[in-house]
């Protein structure tokens, strides 16, 4: 399926070879990880497809490790680390015309986001495992949290729990009582949690991303339950609309209209303006983020992570949306839930967990 998409792209754009060095695209094509420096936009290897085979180019420092630990039989072409850059090596090796997702002399630029959508069967199987393990990590950390813990202490535990499962954590947010009500992105600080906390993560393994949020309370503010329920209603409405819009080939803007309507139904008509609402996910934290007039096509089957907020409350999970229904991926069956109905969809959504 992936090679078919690439063949269509090659024919449409008149190129012989396509090259991918950005980590999300390298992982999409090979299933492997080409990252050493996590601050870099491109990895240490590039994967190319010419209609017949996938070839990986990397330097002599990385070749053996990638072949043994990250790749599944792709041919590896090696250049000396001191002889030039990865872009130079690709330019020397590739046939013309060619396209690449990074700057390569003589190659046109390629945006691979649309090529990565929708998901294929093998990806959905891996997504289920990733989603469950991400939720396990988040929920285990939440159960162990105490009101006197600092946000940073909880975030450190969260990153550790994910790392123990071979999951990276590009985004790990922990907001206690004081900061979760003020900020929608509660980057962790030394502030104590207080009466409750929001714990949010966007995590990655084998190129795929999963996001989820859990709410834990020690002495919950009286408004927390109602705001959380409102956010869960909006999220459920968004997932219902995603399926409906995806079946007819609609756009992100179509889903956004349902989100705004759901906020109005919950008596929070302006809350959507205070934080983005999420969108499609896959090989990026968000492949696209929905906006009121977004023209991105809603594709099925695809993973979606909607993240509506109502001041101090948030509802967020990653779900696989298909023509057959909505399957929440980031769930364990071990967290308290309640049934939420919106847009013709009934879904079990996590509630606030109250700890002694």
C-alpha atoms as a PDB file:
ATOM      1  CA  UNK A   1       0.000   0.000   0.000  1.00  0.00           C
ATOM      2  CA  UNK A   2       2.764   2.478   0.934  1.00  0.00           C
ATOM      3  CA  UNK A   3       4.760   1.680  -2.203  1.00  0.00           C
ATOM      4  CA  UNK A   4       1.607   2.086  -4.283  1.00  0.00           C
ATOM      5  CA  UNK A   5       1.191   5.611  -2.896  1.00  0.00           C
ATOM      6  CA  UNK A   6       4.811   6.354  -3.673  1.00  0.00           C
ATOM      7  CA  UNK A   7       4.441   5.004  -7.210  1.00  0.00           C
ATOM      8  CA  UNK A   8       1.446   7.287  -7.742  1.00  0.00           C
ATOM      9  CA  UNK A   9       3.466  10.232  -6.427  1.00  0.00           C
ATOM     10  CA  UNK A  10       6.442   9.366  -8.653  1.00  0.00           C
ATOM     11  CA  UNK A  11       4.252   9.175 -11.734  1.00  0.00           C
ATOM     12  CA  UNK A  12       2.311  12.338 -10.922  1.00  0.00           C
ATOM     13  CA  UNK A  13       5.416  14.438 -10.254  1.00  0.00           C
ATOM     14  CA  UNK A  14       7.712  12.853 -12.812  1.00  0.00           C
ATOM     15  CA  UNK A  15      10.451  11.679 -10.448  1.00  0.00           C
ATOM     16  CA  UNK A  16      12.342   8.394 -10.384  1.00  0.00           C
ATOM     17  CA  UNK A  17      13.279   8.267  -6.717  1.00  0.00           C
ATOM     18  CA  UNK A  18      11.908   9.683  -3.467  1.00  0.00           C
ATOM     19  CA  UNK A  19      14.067  10.156  -0.365  1.00  0.00           C
ATOM     20  CA  UNK A  20      13.115  10.479   3.286  1.00  0.00           C
ATOM     21  CA  UNK A  21      15.439  11.622   6.070  1.00  0.00           C
ATOM     22  CA  UNK A  22      12.984  13.344   8.394  1.00  0.00           C
ATOM     23  CA  UNK A  23      12.401  10.894  11.279  1.00  0.00           C
ATOM     24  CA  UNK A  24       8.637  10.668  10.831  1.00  0.00           C
ATOM     25  CA  UNK A  25       8.957   9.813   7.155  1.00  0.00           C
ATOM     26  CA  UNK A  26      11.900   7.451   7.600  1.00  0.00           C
ATOM     27  CA  UNK A  27       9.888   5.565  10.220  1.00  0.00           C
ATOM     28  CA  UNK A  28       6.806   5.514   7.978  1.00  0.00           C
ATOM     29  CA  UNK A  29       8.703   3.904   5.102  1.00  0.00           C
ATOM     30  CA  UNK A  30      11.075   1.572   6.975  1.00  0.00           C
ATOM     31  CA  UNK A  31       9.605   1.130  10.438  1.00  0.00           C
ATOM     32  CA  UNK A  32      12.998   2.126  11.847  1.00  0.00           C
ATOM     33  CA  UNK A  33      14.381   5.042  13.829  1.00  0.00           C
ATOM     34  CA  UNK A  34      17.093   7.223  12.259  1.00  0.00           C
ATOM     35  CA  UNK A  35      17.389   9.638  15.208  1.00  0.00           C
ATOM     36  CA  UNK A  36      20.535  10.208  17.254  1.00  0.00           C
ATOM     37  CA  UNK A  37      20.269  13.928  17.993  1.00  0.00           C
ATOM     38  CA  UNK A  38      16.678  14.616  19.017  1.00  0.00           C
ATOM     39  CA  UNK A  39      17.124  18.323  18.400  1.00  0.00           C
ATOM     40  CA  UNK A  40      17.730  17.775  14.689  1.00  0.00           C
ATOM     41  CA  UNK A  41      15.087  17.970  11.974  1.00  0.00           C
ATOM     42  CA  UNK A  42      16.634  15.165   9.938  1.00  0.00           C
ATOM     43  CA  UNK A  43      18.101  11.876  11.070  1.00  0.00           C
ATOM     44  CA  UNK A  44      21.389  10.127  10.415  1.00  0.00           C
ATOM     45  CA  UNK A  45      20.072   8.113   7.473  1.00  0.00           C
ATOM     46  CA  UNK A  46      17.890   8.579   4.411  1.00  0.00           C
ATOM     47  CA  UNK A  47      15.604   5.958   2.889  1.00  0.00           C
ATOM     48  CA  UNK A  48      14.995   6.054  -0.852  1.00  0.00           C
ATOM     49  CA  UNK A  49      12.461   4.255  -3.032  1.00  0.00           C
ATOM     50  CA  UNK A  50      12.863   3.974  -6.817  1.00  0.00           C
ATOM     51  CA  UNK A  51       9.904   1.799  -7.737  1.00  0.00           C
ATOM     52  CA  UNK A  52      11.759  -1.449  -7.088  1.00  0.00           C
ATOM     53  CA  UNK A  53      13.481  -1.374  -3.716  1.00  0.00           C
ATOM     54  CA  UNK A  54      14.076   0.689  -0.601  1.00  0.00           C
ATOM     55  CA  UNK A  55      17.705   1.716  -0.100  1.00  0.00           C
ATOM     56  CA  UNK A  56      19.068   3.321   3.067  1.00  0.00           C
ATOM     57  CA  UNK A  57      22.052   5.669   2.939  1.00  0.00           C
ATOM     58  CA  UNK A  58      24.003   6.441   6.096  1.00  0.00           C
ATOM     59  CA  UNK A  59      27.583   6.997   7.220  1.00  0.00           C
ATOM     60  CA  UNK A  60      29.973   4.311   8.405  1.00  0.00           C
ATOM     61  CA  UNK A  61      29.363   5.254  12.049  1.00  0.00           C
ATOM     62  CA  UNK A  62      25.684   4.275  11.917  1.00  0.00           C
ATOM     63  CA  UNK A  63      25.445   1.615   9.209  1.00  0.00           C
ATOM     64  CA  UNK A  64      25.963  -1.535  11.278  1.00  0.00           C
ATOM     65  CA  UNK A  65      23.684  -0.457  14.126  1.00  0.00           C
ATOM     66  CA  UNK A  66      20.863   0.575  11.818  1.00  0.00           C
ATOM     67  CA  UNK A  67      21.085  -2.640   9.800  1.00  0.00           C
ATOM     68  CA  UNK A  68      21.022  -4.805  12.918  1.00  0.00           C
ATOM     69  CA  UNK A  69      18.602  -2.916  15.149  1.00  0.00           C
ATOM     70  CA  UNK A  70      16.362  -0.614  13.100  1.00  0.00           C
ATOM     71  CA  UNK A  71      15.918  -2.022   9.597  1.00  0.00           C
ATOM     72  CA  UNK A  72      14.249  -5.145   8.253  1.00  0.00           C
ATOM     73  CA  UNK A  73      16.476  -6.138   5.363  1.00  0.00           C
ATOM     74  CA  UNK A  74      16.692  -2.920   3.352  1.00  0.00           C
ATOM     75  CA  UNK A  75      19.928  -2.531   1.410  1.00  0.00           C
ATOM     76  CA  UNK A  76      22.312  -0.171   3.190  1.00  0.00           C
ATOM     77  CA  UNK A  77      24.716   2.081   1.276  1.00  0.00           C
ATOM     78  CA  UNK A  78      27.520   3.551   3.376  1.00  0.00           C
ATOM     79  CA  UNK A  79      29.678   6.639   2.990  1.00  0.00           C
ATOM     80  CA  UNK A  80      32.592   7.817   5.144  1.00  0.00           C
ATOM     81  CA  UNK A  81      31.501  10.217   7.851  1.00  0.00           C
ATOM     82  CA  UNK A  82      34.246  12.700   6.925  1.00  0.00           C
ATOM     83  CA  UNK A  83      33.557  12.648   3.193  1.00  0.00           C
ATOM     84  CA  UNK A  84      30.534  14.963   3.257  1.00  0.00           C
ATOM     85  CA  UNK A  85      26.984  15.303   4.470  1.00  0.00           C
ATOM     86  CA  UNK A  86      24.020  12.972   4.182  1.00  0.00           C
ATOM     87  CA  UNK A  87      22.552  15.294   1.556  1.00  0.00           C
ATOM     88  CA  UNK A  88      25.761  15.079  -0.486  1.00  0.00           C
ATOM     89  CA  UNK A  89      25.705  11.281  -0.280  1.00  0.00           C
ATOM     90  CA  UNK A  90      22.096  11.121  -1.462  1.00  0.00           C
ATOM     91  CA  UNK A  91      22.829  13.564  -4.300  1.00  0.00           C
ATOM     92  CA  UNK A  92      25.775  11.438  -5.454  1.00  0.00           C
ATOM     93  CA  UNK A  93      23.870   8.156  -5.287  1.00  0.00           C
ATOM     94  CA  UNK A  94      20.402   8.984  -6.584  1.00  0.00           C
ATOM     95  CA  UNK A  95      19.204   8.922 -10.149  1.00  0.00           C
ATOM     96  CA  UNK A  96      17.565  12.040 -11.572  1.00  0.00           C
ATOM     97  CA  UNK A  97      14.936  13.370 -11.384  1.00  0.00           C
ATOM     98  CA  UNK A  98      14.349  12.834  -7.665  1.00  0.00           C
ATOM     99  CA  UNK A  99      12.485  14.317  -4.709  1.00  0.00           C
ATOM    100  CA  UNK A 100      13.459  14.492  -1.041  1.00  0.00           C
ATOM    101  CA  UNK A 101      11.940  15.658   2.215  1.00  0.00           C
ATOM    102  CA  UNK A 102      15.125  17.577   3.062  1.00  0.00           C
ATOM    103  CA  UNK A 103      17.481  19.811   1.124  1.00  0.00           C
ATOM    104  CA  UNK A 104      19.412  17.698  -1.372  1.00  0.00           C
ATOM    105  CA  UNK A 105      21.263  19.296  -4.300  1.00  0.00           C
ATOM    106  CA  UNK A 106      19.351  18.648  -7.520  1.00  0.00           C
ATOM    107  CA  UNK A 107      16.249  17.230  -5.813  1.00  0.00           C
ATOM    108  CA  UNK A 108      12.828  18.808  -5.556  1.00  0.00           C
ATOM    109  CA  UNK A 109      11.298  19.172  -2.080  1.00  0.00           C
ATOM    110  CA  UNK A 110       8.701  16.686  -0.947  1.00  0.00           C
ATOM    111  CA  UNK A 111       6.011  17.071   1.738  1.00  0.00           C
ATOM    112  CA  UNK A 112       5.128  13.549   2.816  1.00  0.00           C
ATOM    113  CA  UNK A 113       2.281  14.266   5.230  1.00  0.00           C
ATOM    114  CA  UNK A 114      -0.470  13.311   2.787  1.00  0.00           C
ATOM    115  CA  UNK A 115       1.422  10.169   1.793  1.00  0.00           C
ATOM    116  CA  UNK A 116       1.235   9.003   5.411  1.00  0.00           C
ATOM    117  CA  UNK A 117      -2.584   9.118   5.420  1.00  0.00           C
ATOM    118  CA  UNK A 118      -4.650   7.008   5.892  1.00  0.00           C
ATOM    119  CA  UNK A 119      -3.161   4.291   8.092  1.00  0.00           C
ATOM    120  CA  UNK A 120      -2.573   0.750   6.859  1.00  0.00           C
ATOM    121  CA  UNK A 121      -3.449  -2.456   8.743  1.00  0.00           C
ATOM    122  CA  UNK A 122       0.059  -3.063  10.057  1.00  0.00           C
ATOM    123  CA  UNK A 123       0.130   0.430  11.536  1.00  0.00           C
ATOM    124  CA  UNK A 124      -3.207   0.046  13.314  1.00  0.00           C
ATOM    125  CA  UNK A 125      -1.970  -3.132  15.008  1.00  0.00           C
ATOM    126  CA  UNK A 126       1.108  -1.296  16.312  1.00  0.00           C
ATOM    127  CA  UNK A 127      -1.041   1.669  17.291  1.00  0.00           C
ATOM    128  CA  UNK A 128      -3.206  -0.476  19.559  1.00  0.00           C
ATOM    129  CA  UNK A 129      -0.176  -1.702  21.473  1.00  0.00           C
ATOM    130  CA  UNK A 130       1.330   1.789  21.702  1.00  0.00           C
ATOM    131  CA  UNK A 131      -1.922   3.361  22.871  1.00  0.00           C
ATOM    132  CA  UNK A 132      -2.455   0.814  25.618  1.00  0.00           C
ATOM    133  CA  UNK A 133       1.101   1.174  26.914  1.00  0.00           C
ATOM    134  CA  UNK A 134       0.975   4.970  26.868  1.00  0.00           C
ATOM    135  CA  UNK A 135      -2.238   4.883  28.895  1.00  0.00           C
ATOM    136  CA  UNK A 136      -0.701   2.355  31.309  1.00  0.00           C
ATOM    137  CA  UNK A 137       2.236   4.675  31.951  1.00  0.00           C
ATOM    138  CA  UNK A 138       0.106   7.786  32.440  1.00  0.00           C
ATOM    139  CA  UNK A 139      -2.406   6.075  34.683  1.00  0.00           C
ATOM    140  CA  UNK A 140       0.221   4.374  36.857  1.00  0.00           C
ATOM    141  CA  UNK A 141       1.925   7.715  37.490  1.00  0.00           C
ATOM    142  CA  UNK A 142      -1.399   9.380  38.295  1.00  0.00           C
ATOM    143  CA  UNK A 143      -2.306   6.707  40.851  1.00  0.00           C
ATOM    144  CA  UNK A 144       0.995   7.243  42.657  1.00  0.00           C
ATOM    145  CA  UNK A 145       0.735  11.034  42.703  1.00  0.00           C
ATOM    146  CA  UNK A 146       0.254  12.999  45.904  1.00  0.00           C
ATOM    147  CA  UNK A 147      -0.961  16.531  46.485  1.00  0.00           C
ATOM    148  CA  UNK A 148       2.455  17.528  47.816  1.00  0.00           C
ATOM    149  CA  UNK A 149       4.308  16.309  44.722  1.00  0.00           C
ATOM    150  CA  UNK A 150       5.667  18.976  42.413  1.00  0.00           C
ATOM    151  CA  UNK A 151       4.650  19.077  38.781  1.00  0.00           C
ATOM    152  CA  UNK A 152       8.250  18.347  37.806  1.00  0.00           C
ATOM    153  CA  UNK A 153       8.422  15.280  40.027  1.00  0.00           C
ATOM    154  CA  UNK A 154       5.309  13.844  38.409  1.00  0.00           C
ATOM    155  CA  UNK A 155       6.586  14.703  34.917  1.00  0.00           C
ATOM    156  CA  UNK A 156       9.903  12.969  35.663  1.00  0.00           C
ATOM    157  CA  UNK A 157       8.049   9.868  36.776  1.00  0.00           C
ATOM    158  CA  UNK A 158       5.922  10.002  33.643  1.00  0.00           C
ATOM    159  CA  UNK A 159       8.926  10.221  31.323  1.00  0.00           C
ATOM    160  CA  UNK A 160      10.551   7.343  33.182  1.00  0.00           C
ATOM    161  CA  UNK A 161       7.461   5.150  32.973  1.00  0.00           C
ATOM    162  CA  UNK A 162       7.258   5.768  29.237  1.00  0.00           C
ATOM    163  CA  UNK A 163      10.990   5.208  28.674  1.00  0.00           C
ATOM    164  CA  UNK A 164      10.750   1.871  30.497  1.00  0.00           C
ATOM    165  CA  UNK A 165       8.289   0.852  27.786  1.00  0.00           C
ATOM    166  CA  UNK A 166      10.611   2.087  25.021  1.00  0.00           C
ATOM    167  CA  UNK A 167       8.369   5.100  24.416  1.00  0.00           C
ATOM    168  CA  UNK A 168       9.710   8.609  23.864  1.00  0.00           C
ATOM    169  CA  UNK A 169       7.874  11.586  25.348  1.00  0.00           C
ATOM    170  CA  UNK A 170       8.187  14.736  23.215  1.00  0.00           C
ATOM    171  CA  UNK A 171       5.373  16.336  25.238  1.00  0.00           C
ATOM    172  CA  UNK A 172       4.886  15.669  28.964  1.00  0.00           C
ATOM    173  CA  UNK A 173       2.675  18.233  30.716  1.00  0.00           C
ATOM    174  CA  UNK A 174       1.658  18.284  34.364  1.00  0.00           C
ATOM    175  CA  UNK A 175      -0.500  21.055  35.733  1.00  0.00           C
ATOM    176  CA  UNK A 176      -1.566  21.303  39.344  1.00  0.00           C
ATOM    177  CA  UNK A 177      -4.423  23.280  40.836  1.00  0.00           C
ATOM    178  CA  UNK A 178      -2.761  26.696  40.530  1.00  0.00           C
ATOM    179  CA  UNK A 179      -1.477  26.440  36.972  1.00  0.00           C
ATOM    180  CA  UNK A 180      -3.936  24.157  35.171  1.00  0.00           C
ATOM    181  CA  UNK A 181      -6.634  26.772  35.649  1.00  0.00           C
ATOM    182  CA  UNK A 182      -4.426  29.528  34.227  1.00  0.00           C
ATOM    183  CA  UNK A 183      -2.631  27.854  31.336  1.00  0.00           C
ATOM    184  CA  UNK A 184      -3.724  25.413  28.640  1.00  0.00           C
ATOM    185  CA  UNK A 185      -0.128  24.205  28.166  1.00  0.00           C
ATOM    186  CA  UNK A 186       0.921  23.519  31.738  1.00  0.00           C
ATOM    187  CA  UNK A 187       4.627  22.876  31.260  1.00  0.00           C
ATOM    188  CA  UNK A 188       5.794  21.390  34.587  1.00  0.00           C
ATOM    189  CA  UNK A 189       7.346  23.571  37.269  1.00  0.00           C
ATOM    190  CA  UNK A 190       8.339  23.210  40.932  1.00  0.00           C
ATOM    191  CA  UNK A 191       4.763  24.123  41.951  1.00  0.00           C
ATOM    192  CA  UNK A 192       2.982  21.544  44.131  1.00  0.00           C
ATOM    193  CA  UNK A 193      -0.054  19.801  42.672  1.00  0.00           C
ATOM    194  CA  UNK A 194      -2.495  20.915  45.349  1.00  0.00           C
ATOM    195  CA  UNK A 195      -6.118  19.772  45.095  1.00  0.00           C
ATOM    196  CA  UNK A 196      -5.938  18.191  41.636  1.00  0.00           C
ATOM    197  CA  UNK A 197      -3.776  17.779  38.540  1.00  0.00           C
ATOM    198  CA  UNK A 198      -3.986  17.302  34.795  1.00  0.00           C
ATOM    199  CA  UNK A 199      -1.398  14.932  33.327  1.00  0.00           C
ATOM    200  CA  UNK A 200      -1.029  15.057  29.534  1.00  0.00           C
ATOM    201  CA  UNK A 201       1.358  13.346  27.175  1.00  0.00           C
ATOM    202  CA  UNK A 202       2.097  13.058  23.479  1.00  0.00           C
ATOM    203  CA  UNK A 203       4.334  10.010  23.169  1.00  0.00           C
ATOM    204  CA  UNK A 204       6.096   8.253  20.306  1.00  0.00           C
ATOM    205  CA  UNK A 205       7.352   4.805  19.403  1.00  0.00           C
ATOM    206  CA  UNK A 206       8.406   3.450  16.001  1.00  0.00           C
ATOM    207  CA  UNK A 207       7.350   6.771  14.505  1.00  0.00           C
ATOM    208  CA  UNK A 208       3.737   6.648  15.704  1.00  0.00           C
ATOM    209  CA  UNK A 209       2.352   9.190  18.175  1.00  0.00           C
ATOM    210  CA  UNK A 210      -0.308   8.761  20.855  1.00  0.00           C
ATOM    211  CA  UNK A 211      -1.768  11.458  23.106  1.00  0.00           C
ATOM    212  CA  UNK A 212      -3.855  11.226  26.249  1.00  0.00           C
ATOM    213  CA  UNK A 213      -4.775  13.192  29.361  1.00  0.00           C
ATOM    214  CA  UNK A 214      -5.880  11.993  32.788  1.00  0.00           C
ATOM    215  CA  UNK A 215      -7.238  14.002  35.705  1.00  0.00           C
ATOM    216  CA  UNK A 216      -6.474  13.044  39.285  1.00  0.00           C
ATOM    217  CA  UNK A 217      -7.959  14.786  42.328  1.00  0.00           C
ATOM    218  CA  UNK A 218      -7.094  14.802  46.023  1.00  0.00           C
ATOM    219  CA  UNK A 219      -9.668  17.348  47.218  1.00  0.00           C
ATOM    220  CA  UNK A 220     -11.399  18.335  44.001  1.00  0.00           C
ATOM    221  CA  UNK A 221     -12.703  21.870  43.426  1.00  0.00           C
ATOM    222  CA  UNK A 222     -16.495  21.820  43.195  1.00  0.00           C
ATOM    223  CA  UNK A 223     -16.454  22.862  39.538  1.00  0.00           C
ATOM    224  CA  UNK A 224     -13.998  20.210  38.303  1.00  0.00           C
ATOM    225  CA  UNK A 225     -16.463  17.405  37.577  1.00  0.00           C
ATOM    226  CA  UNK A 226     -18.854  19.562  35.525  1.00  0.00           C
ATOM    227  CA  UNK A 227     -16.093  21.133  33.448  1.00  0.00           C
ATOM    228  CA  UNK A 228     -14.486  17.754  32.842  1.00  0.00           C
ATOM    229  CA  UNK A 229     -17.818  16.325  31.713  1.00  0.00           C
ATOM    230  CA  UNK A 230     -18.291  19.248  29.327  1.00  0.00           C
ATOM    231  CA  UNK A 231     -14.881  18.662  27.764  1.00  0.00           C
ATOM    232  CA  UNK A 232     -15.638  14.923  27.432  1.00  0.00           C
ATOM    233  CA  UNK A 233     -18.901  15.777  25.659  1.00  0.00           C
ATOM    234  CA  UNK A 234     -17.051  17.963  23.154  1.00  0.00           C
ATOM    235  CA  UNK A 235     -14.432  15.294  22.533  1.00  0.00           C
ATOM    236  CA  UNK A 236     -17.107  12.653  21.909  1.00  0.00           C
ATOM    237  CA  UNK A 237     -18.929  14.999  19.533  1.00  0.00           C
ATOM    238  CA  UNK A 238     -15.658  15.585  17.677  1.00  0.00           C
ATOM    239  CA  UNK A 239     -15.074  11.842  17.240  1.00  0.00           C
ATOM    240  CA  UNK A 240     -18.662  11.304  16.078  1.00  0.00           C
ATOM    241  CA  UNK A 241     -18.252  14.084  13.530  1.00  0.00           C
ATOM    242  CA  UNK A 242     -14.888  12.711  12.414  1.00  0.00           C
ATOM    243  CA  UNK A 243     -16.471   9.419  11.429  1.00  0.00           C
ATOM    244  CA  UNK A 244     -19.460  11.074   9.777  1.00  0.00           C
ATOM    245  CA  UNK A 245     -17.363  13.618   7.872  1.00  0.00           C
ATOM    246  CA  UNK A 246     -14.726  11.059   6.933  1.00  0.00           C
ATOM    247  CA  UNK A 247     -17.310   8.748   5.372  1.00  0.00           C
ATOM    248  CA  UNK A 248     -18.425  11.475   2.997  1.00  0.00           C
ATOM    249  CA  UNK A 249     -14.938  12.827   2.278  1.00  0.00           C
ATOM    250  CA  UNK A 250     -15.361  16.103   4.151  1.00  0.00           C
ATOM    251  CA  UNK A 251     -12.849  18.433   5.730  1.00  0.00           C
ATOM    252  CA  UNK A 252     -11.388  19.405   9.074  1.00  0.00           C
ATOM    253  CA  UNK A 253     -13.510  22.540   8.967  1.00  0.00           C
ATOM    254  CA  UNK A 254     -16.629  20.371   8.851  1.00  0.00           C
ATOM    255  CA  UNK A 255     -15.557  18.634  12.064  1.00  0.00           C
ATOM    256  CA  UNK A 256     -14.719  21.969  13.650  1.00  0.00           C
ATOM    257  CA  UNK A 257     -18.282  23.163  13.147  1.00  0.00           C
ATOM    258  CA  UNK A 258     -19.476  20.180  15.182  1.00  0.00           C
ATOM    259  CA  UNK A 259     -16.931  21.029  17.884  1.00  0.00           C
ATOM    260  CA  UNK A 260     -18.174  24.609  18.155  1.00  0.00           C
ATOM    261  CA  UNK A 261     -21.754  23.374  18.328  1.00  0.00           C
ATOM    262  CA  UNK A 262     -20.835  20.971  21.140  1.00  0.00           C
ATOM    263  CA  UNK A 263     -19.230  23.770  23.141  1.00  0.00           C
ATOM    264  CA  UNK A 264     -22.418  25.814  22.783  1.00  0.00           C
ATOM    265  CA  UNK A 265     -24.497  22.859  23.948  1.00  0.00           C
ATOM    266  CA  UNK A 266     -22.366  22.704  27.087  1.00  0.00           C
ATOM    267  CA  UNK A 267     -22.770  26.453  27.713  1.00  0.00           C
ATOM    268  CA  UNK A 268     -19.121  27.224  26.960  1.00  0.00           C
ATOM    269  CA  UNK A 269     -19.440  28.896  23.531  1.00  0.00           C
ATOM    270  CA  UNK A 270     -16.066  30.677  23.606  1.00  0.00           C
ATOM    271  CA  UNK A 271     -13.782  28.033  25.098  1.00  0.00           C
ATOM    272  CA  UNK A 272     -12.690  26.765  21.672  1.00  0.00           C
ATOM    273  CA  UNK A 273     -10.890  30.073  21.127  1.00  0.00           C
ATOM    274  CA  UNK A 274      -8.556  29.500  24.074  1.00  0.00           C
ATOM    275  CA  UNK A 275      -6.778  26.371  22.857  1.00  0.00           C
ATOM    276  CA  UNK A 276      -6.488  24.325  19.683  1.00  0.00           C
ATOM    277  CA  UNK A 277      -8.846  21.356  19.523  1.00  0.00           C
ATOM    278  CA  UNK A 278      -6.515  18.713  18.068  1.00  0.00           C
ATOM    279  CA  UNK A 279      -6.925  16.746  14.859  1.00  0.00           C
ATOM    280  CA  UNK A 280      -5.402  13.862  12.953  1.00  0.00           C
ATOM    281  CA  UNK A 281      -2.392  12.070  14.378  1.00  0.00           C
ATOM    282  CA  UNK A 282      -0.068   9.363  13.116  1.00  0.00           C
ATOM    283  CA  UNK A 283       3.586  10.029  12.317  1.00  0.00           C
ATOM    284  CA  UNK A 284       3.351  13.498  13.862  1.00  0.00           C
ATOM    285  CA  UNK A 285       1.882  14.666  17.132  1.00  0.00           C
ATOM    286  CA  UNK A 286      -0.799  16.144  14.908  1.00  0.00           C
ATOM    287  CA  UNK A 287      -0.711  15.519  11.170  1.00  0.00           C
ATOM    288  CA  UNK A 288      -2.975  18.535  11.030  1.00  0.00           C
ATOM    289  CA  UNK A 289      -4.807  20.689  13.559  1.00  0.00           C
ATOM    290  CA  UNK A 290      -8.402  21.551  12.774  1.00  0.00           C
ATOM    291  CA  UNK A 291      -9.403  25.193  12.337  1.00  0.00           C
ATOM    292  CA  UNK A 292     -12.779  26.774  11.548  1.00  0.00           C
ATOM    293  CA  UNK A 293     -12.001  26.833   7.832  1.00  0.00           C
ATOM    294  CA  UNK A 294      -9.512  23.975   7.620  1.00  0.00           C
ATOM    295  CA  UNK A 295      -9.573  22.247   4.236  1.00  0.00           C
ATOM    296  CA  UNK A 296      -7.586  19.139   5.210  1.00  0.00           C
ATOM    297  CA  UNK A 297      -9.386  16.004   4.133  1.00  0.00           C
ATOM    298  CA  UNK A 298     -10.693  13.762   6.910  1.00  0.00           C
ATOM    299  CA  UNK A 299      -9.454  10.289   5.990  1.00  0.00           C
ATOM    300  CA  UNK A 300     -10.465   6.856   7.266  1.00  0.00           C
ATOM    301  CA  UNK A 301      -9.046   4.692   8.752  1.00  0.00           C
ATOM    302  CA  UNK A 302      -6.964   7.209  10.661  1.00  0.00           C
ATOM    303  CA  UNK A 303      -5.975   8.046  14.209  1.00  0.00           C
ATOM    304  CA  UNK A 304      -7.363  11.235  15.719  1.00  0.00           C
ATOM    305  CA  UNK A 305      -6.551  12.996  18.972  1.00  0.00           C
ATOM    306  CA  UNK A 306      -9.065  15.686  19.882  1.00  0.00           C
ATOM    307  CA  UNK A 307      -8.205  17.660  23.023  1.00  0.00           C
ATOM    308  CA  UNK A 308     -10.987  20.073  24.034  1.00  0.00           C
ATOM    309  CA  UNK A 309     -10.480  22.135  27.183  1.00  0.00           C
ATOM    310  CA  UNK A 310     -12.790  23.949  29.557  1.00  0.00           C
ATOM    311  CA  UNK A 311     -10.886  26.159  31.939  1.00  0.00           C
ATOM    312  CA  UNK A 312      -9.019  23.838  34.296  1.00  0.00           C
ATOM    313  CA  UNK A 313     -10.315  20.650  32.637  1.00  0.00           C
ATOM    314  CA  UNK A 314      -9.351  18.651  29.575  1.00  0.00           C
ATOM    315  CA  UNK A 315     -10.477  15.491  27.787  1.00  0.00           C
ATOM    316  CA  UNK A 316      -8.051  13.796  25.409  1.00  0.00           C
ATOM    317  CA  UNK A 317      -7.387  10.334  24.039  1.00  0.00           C
ATOM    318  CA  UNK A 318      -6.166   8.883  20.771  1.00  0.00           C
ATOM    319  CA  UNK A 319      -8.795   6.987  18.800  1.00  0.00           C
ATOM    320  CA  UNK A 320      -8.826   4.957  15.607  1.00  0.00           C
ATOM    321  CA  UNK A 321     -11.726   6.135  13.476  1.00  0.00           C
ATOM    322  CA  UNK A 322     -12.937   3.853  10.690  1.00  0.00           C
ATOM    323  CA  UNK A 323     -16.086   3.446   8.650  1.00  0.00           C
ATOM    324  CA  UNK A 324     -17.115   0.796  11.199  1.00  0.00           C
ATOM    325  CA  UNK A 325     -16.767   2.932  14.305  1.00  0.00           C
ATOM    326  CA  UNK A 326     -14.537   4.613  16.869  1.00  0.00           C
ATOM    327  CA  UNK A 327     -11.955   2.629  18.857  1.00  0.00           C
ATOM    328  CA  UNK A 328     -10.174   4.401  21.702  1.00  0.00           C
ATOM    329  CA  UNK A 329      -6.533   3.320  21.606  1.00  0.00           C
ATOM    330  CA  UNK A 330      -5.216   4.943  24.773  1.00  0.00           C
ATOM    331  CA  UNK A 331      -7.220   2.947  27.297  1.00  0.00           C
ATOM    332  CA  UNK A 332      -6.483   0.177  29.773  1.00  0.00           C
ATOM    333  CA  UNK A 333      -9.853  -0.723  31.251  1.00  0.00           C
ATOM    334  CA  UNK A 334      -8.412   0.152  34.661  1.00  0.00           C
ATOM    335  CA  UNK A 335      -9.466   3.811  34.908  1.00  0.00           C
ATOM    336  CA  UNK A 336     -12.961   4.927  35.971  1.00  0.00           C
ATOM    337  CA  UNK A 337     -15.185   5.925  33.047  1.00  0.00           C
ATOM    338  CA  UNK A 338     -18.677   7.111  32.281  1.00  0.00           C
ATOM    339  CA  UNK A 339     -20.754   6.788  29.144  1.00  0.00           C
ATOM    340  CA  UNK A 340     -20.935   9.996  27.136  1.00  0.00           C
ATOM    341  CA  UNK A 341     -23.411  10.444  24.263  1.00  0.00           C
ATOM    342  CA  UNK A 342     -22.894  13.081  21.594  1.00  0.00           C
ATOM    343  CA  UNK A 343     -23.523  13.305  17.872  1.00  0.00           C
ATOM    344  CA  UNK A 344     -25.083   9.844  17.781  1.00  0.00           C
ATOM    345  CA  UNK A 345     -22.024   8.222  19.379  1.00  0.00           C
ATOM    346  CA  UNK A 346     -21.879   6.589  22.807  1.00  0.00           C
ATOM    347  CA  UNK A 347     -18.377   6.327  24.193  1.00  0.00           C
ATOM    348  CA  UNK A 348     -16.801   5.444  27.519  1.00  0.00           C
ATOM    349  CA  UNK A 349     -14.746   8.441  28.595  1.00  0.00           C
ATOM    350  CA  UNK A 350     -12.301   8.687  31.526  1.00  0.00           C
ATOM    351  CA  UNK A 351     -13.625  10.509  34.553  1.00  0.00           C
ATOM    352  CA  UNK A 352     -11.749  12.302  37.312  1.00  0.00           C
ATOM    353  CA  UNK A 353      -9.962   9.790  39.549  1.00  0.00           C
ATOM    354  CA  UNK A 354     -10.328  10.760  43.201  1.00  0.00           C
ATOM    355  CA  UNK A 355      -7.505   9.683  45.488  1.00  0.00           C
ATOM    356  CA  UNK A 356      -7.546   9.684  49.290  1.00  0.00           C
END
